[in-house]
Amino acid sequence: MKQALAKKTIKQRSAWLASMFGCGAFLLMAVKVYHVPVATLASNLLIALLLMALVLAVAAGLGWVVARLKKRRN
């Protein structure tokens, strides 16, 4: 049982590492082949992270409101 779990963990980690190398290769290709400035990639990443944080904050706020409303009814 433990060996099967260990093999599954190793396979998942290997798949994660392969996908990270693939993403890195794609970004390197964008910089080298298409002459995309690294600053543009970094700013786009920052914008995406900020928007993700905003979405998560709104979702957490709505979850809190729903929990408070349910608690009030009981």
N, C-alpha and C. Protein backbone atom coordinates (compact mmCIF):
# COMPACT_ATOMS: atom_id res chain seq x y z
N MET A 1 0.82 -1.19 0.00
CA MET A 1 0.00 0.00 0.00
C MET A 1 0.86 1.25 0.00
N LYS A 2 1.89 1.26 0.87
CA LYS A 2 2.75 2.43 0.96
C LYS A 2 3.57 2.61 -0.31
N GLN A 3 3.97 1.49 -0.94
CA GLN A 3 4.75 1.59 -2.17
C GLN A 3 3.90 2.16 -3.30
N ALA A 4 2.65 1.75 -3.38
CA ALA A 4 1.75 2.27 -4.42
C ALA A 4 1.54 3.76 -4.22
N LEU A 5 1.37 4.18 -2.98
CA LEU A 5 1.18 5.60 -2.70
C LEU A 5 2.45 6.39 -3.03
N ALA A 6 3.60 5.82 -2.72
CA ALA A 6 4.86 6.48 -3.03
C ALA A 6 5.06 6.62 -4.54
N LYS A 7 4.72 5.57 -5.29
CA LYS A 7 4.84 5.63 -6.75
C LYS A 7 3.91 6.67 -7.33
N LYS A 8 2.70 6.75 -6.79
CA LYS A 8 1.72 7.73 -7.27
C LYS A 8 2.24 9.15 -7.00
N THR A 9 2.82 9.35 -5.82
CA THR A 9 3.36 10.66 -5.46
C THR A 9 4.51 11.04 -6.38
N ILE A 10 5.37 10.09 -6.68
CA ILE A 10 6.50 10.35 -7.57
C ILE A 10 6.01 10.68 -8.98
N LYS A 11 5.00 9.96 -9.46
CA LYS A 11 4.44 10.24 -10.78
C LYS A 11 3.80 11.62 -10.83
N GLN A 12 3.08 11.99 -9.78
CA GLN A 12 2.47 13.31 -9.75
C GLN A 12 3.53 14.40 -9.74
N ARG A 13 4.57 14.20 -8.96
CA ARG A 13 5.64 15.18 -8.89
C ARG A 13 6.36 15.28 -10.22
N SER A 14 6.57 14.16 -10.87
CA SER A 14 7.23 14.16 -12.18
C SER A 14 6.38 14.88 -13.21
N ALA A 15 5.07 14.66 -13.18
CA ALA A 15 4.18 15.35 -14.12
C ALA A 15 4.19 16.85 -13.85
N TRP A 16 4.22 17.24 -12.58
CA TRP A 16 4.25 18.65 -12.25
C TRP A 16 5.55 19.29 -12.74
N LEU A 17 6.67 18.61 -12.52
CA LEU A 17 7.95 19.14 -12.98
C LEU A 17 8.00 19.24 -14.51
N ALA A 18 7.47 18.23 -15.20
CA ALA A 18 7.45 18.27 -16.66
C ALA A 18 6.61 19.44 -17.16
N SER A 19 5.48 19.70 -16.51
CA SER A 19 4.64 20.81 -16.95
C SER A 19 5.32 22.15 -16.67
N MET A 20 6.05 22.26 -15.56
CA MET A 20 6.76 23.50 -15.27
C MET A 20 7.88 23.74 -16.27
N PHE A 21 8.60 22.68 -16.66
CA PHE A 21 9.64 22.84 -17.69
C PHE A 21 9.01 23.20 -19.03
N GLY A 22 7.85 22.64 -19.34
CA GLY A 22 7.16 22.99 -20.57
C GLY A 22 6.74 24.45 -20.59
N CYS A 23 6.22 24.93 -19.48
CA CYS A 23 5.85 26.35 -19.40
C CYS A 23 7.07 27.24 -19.52
N GLY A 24 8.14 26.85 -18.87
CA GLY A 24 9.39 27.62 -18.98
C GLY A 24 9.91 27.66 -20.40
N ALA A 25 9.85 26.52 -21.09
CA ALA A 25 10.30 26.47 -22.49
C ALA A 25 9.42 27.36 -23.37
N PHE A 26 8.13 27.36 -23.12
CA PHE A 26 7.22 28.20 -23.90
C PHE A 26 7.53 29.68 -23.68
N LEU A 27 7.76 30.07 -22.44
CA LEU A 27 8.09 31.47 -22.15
C LEU A 27 9.43 31.85 -22.75
N LEU A 28 10.40 30.95 -22.68
CA LEU A 28 11.70 31.22 -23.30
C LEU A 28 11.57 31.38 -24.81
N MET A 29 10.73 30.55 -25.42
CA MET A 29 10.48 30.67 -26.86
C MET A 29 9.83 32.02 -27.18
N ALA A 30 8.89 32.45 -26.34
CA ALA A 30 8.24 33.74 -26.58
C ALA A 30 9.25 34.87 -26.52
N VAL A 31 10.21 34.77 -25.59
CA VAL A 31 11.21 35.82 -25.46
C VAL A 31 12.20 35.78 -26.63
N LYS A 32 12.66 34.58 -26.98
CA LYS A 32 13.70 34.45 -28.01
C LYS A 32 13.14 34.60 -29.43
N VAL A 33 12.09 33.86 -29.76
CA VAL A 33 11.61 33.81 -31.13
C VAL A 33 10.75 35.02 -31.48
N TYR A 34 9.82 35.36 -30.58
CA TYR A 34 8.88 36.42 -30.89
C TYR A 34 9.29 37.78 -30.33
N HIS A 35 10.43 37.83 -29.68
CA HIS A 35 11.00 39.07 -29.15
C HIS A 35 10.02 39.80 -28.23
N VAL A 36 9.38 39.03 -27.35
CA VAL A 36 8.50 39.61 -26.34
C VAL A 36 9.37 40.05 -25.18
N PRO A 37 9.26 41.31 -24.78
CA PRO A 37 10.10 41.77 -23.66
C PRO A 37 9.73 41.06 -22.36
N VAL A 38 10.74 40.77 -21.56
CA VAL A 38 10.53 40.10 -20.28
C VAL A 38 9.68 40.99 -19.37
N ALA A 39 9.85 42.30 -19.48
CA ALA A 39 9.06 43.22 -18.65
C ALA A 39 7.57 43.08 -18.96
N THR A 40 7.23 42.86 -20.21
CA THR A 40 5.83 42.67 -20.59
C THR A 40 5.28 41.39 -19.97
N LEU A 41 6.06 40.32 -20.04
CA LEU A 41 5.62 39.06 -19.42
C LEU A 41 5.44 39.22 -17.92
N ALA A 42 6.38 39.92 -17.29
CA ALA A 42 6.30 40.10 -15.84
C ALA A 42 5.10 40.96 -15.46
N SER A 43 4.83 42.01 -16.23
CA SER A 43 3.69 42.86 -15.90
C SER A 43 2.38 42.11 -16.12
N ASN A 44 2.30 41.29 -17.17
CA ASN A 44 1.10 40.49 -17.39
C ASN A 44 0.90 39.48 -16.27
N LEU A 45 1.98 38.89 -15.77
CA LEU A 45 1.88 37.97 -14.65
C LEU A 45 1.39 38.68 -13.40
N LEU A 46 1.90 39.87 -13.16
CA LEU A 46 1.48 40.64 -11.99
C LEU A 46 0.00 41.00 -12.07
N ILE A 47 -0.45 41.40 -13.24
CA ILE A 47 -1.87 41.73 -13.43
C ILE A 47 -2.73 40.50 -13.19
N ALA A 48 -2.31 39.35 -13.72
CA ALA A 48 -3.07 38.11 -13.53
C ALA A 48 -3.14 37.74 -12.05
N LEU A 49 -2.03 37.88 -11.34
CA LEU A 49 -2.01 37.55 -9.91
C LEU A 49 -2.90 38.50 -9.10
N LEU A 50 -2.88 39.78 -9.46
CA LEU A 50 -3.73 40.75 -8.76
C LEU A 50 -5.21 40.47 -9.01
N LEU A 51 -5.56 40.14 -10.25
CA LEU A 51 -6.95 39.81 -10.55
C LEU A 51 -7.39 38.53 -9.84
N MET A 52 -6.50 37.55 -9.77
CA MET A 52 -6.82 36.32 -9.06
C MET A 52 -7.04 36.60 -7.57
N ALA A 53 -6.21 37.45 -6.99
CA ALA A 53 -6.38 37.82 -5.59
C ALA A 53 -7.70 38.55 -5.38
N LEU A 54 -8.08 39.41 -6.32
CA LEU A 54 -9.35 40.12 -6.22
C LEU A 54 -10.53 39.16 -6.27
N VAL A 55 -10.48 38.20 -7.20
CA VAL A 55 -11.55 37.21 -7.32
C VAL A 55 -11.65 36.38 -6.05
N LEU A 56 -10.51 35.95 -5.51
CA LEU A 56 -10.53 35.17 -4.28
C LEU A 56 -11.06 35.97 -3.10
N ALA A 57 -10.72 37.25 -3.05
CA ALA A 57 -11.21 38.10 -1.96
C ALA A 57 -12.73 38.27 -2.05
N VAL A 58 -13.23 38.49 -3.25
CA VAL A 58 -14.67 38.63 -3.43
C VAL A 58 -15.38 37.32 -3.07
N ALA A 59 -14.83 36.20 -3.51
CA ALA A 59 -15.43 34.90 -3.19
C ALA A 59 -15.43 34.65 -1.68
N ALA A 60 -14.34 35.00 -1.02
CA ALA A 60 -14.28 34.82 0.44
C ALA A 60 -15.29 35.73 1.13
N GLY A 61 -15.43 36.95 0.65
CA GLY A 61 -16.40 37.86 1.22
C GLY A 61 -17.83 37.36 1.04
N LEU A 62 -18.14 36.87 -0.13
CA LEU A 62 -19.48 36.33 -0.36
C LEU A 62 -19.73 35.09 0.48
N GLY A 63 -18.73 34.25 0.63
CA GLY A 63 -18.87 33.07 1.49
C GLY A 63 -19.12 33.47 2.93
N TRP A 64 -18.43 34.51 3.39
CA TRP A 64 -18.64 34.99 4.75
C TRP A 64 -20.05 35.52 4.92
N VAL A 65 -20.54 36.29 3.93
CA VAL A 65 -21.89 36.84 4.00
C VAL A 65 -22.93 35.71 4.03
N VAL A 66 -22.76 34.71 3.18
CA VAL A 66 -23.70 33.59 3.15
C VAL A 66 -23.68 32.86 4.49
N ALA A 67 -22.51 32.64 5.05
CA ALA A 67 -22.41 31.96 6.34
C ALA A 67 -23.10 32.77 7.44
N ARG A 68 -22.93 34.09 7.42
CA ARG A 68 -23.58 34.94 8.42
C ARG A 68 -25.10 34.90 8.27
N LEU A 69 -25.58 34.91 7.01
CA LEU A 69 -27.02 34.86 6.78
C LEU A 69 -27.61 33.53 7.25
N LYS A 70 -26.93 32.44 6.99
CA LYS A 70 -27.40 31.14 7.44
C LYS A 70 -27.38 31.04 8.95
N LYS A 71 -26.38 31.62 9.57
CA LYS A 71 -26.27 31.59 11.03
C LYS A 71 -27.39 32.41 11.67
N ARG A 72 -27.79 33.50 11.04
CA ARG A 72 -28.83 34.36 11.56
C ARG A 72 -30.19 33.66 11.52
N ARG A 73 -30.43 32.85 10.49
CA ARG A 73 -31.70 32.17 10.34
C ARG A 73 -31.92 31.07 11.37
N ASN A 74 -30.83 30.48 11.84
CA ASN A 74 -30.95 29.36 12.81
C ASN A 74 -31.14 29.81 14.20
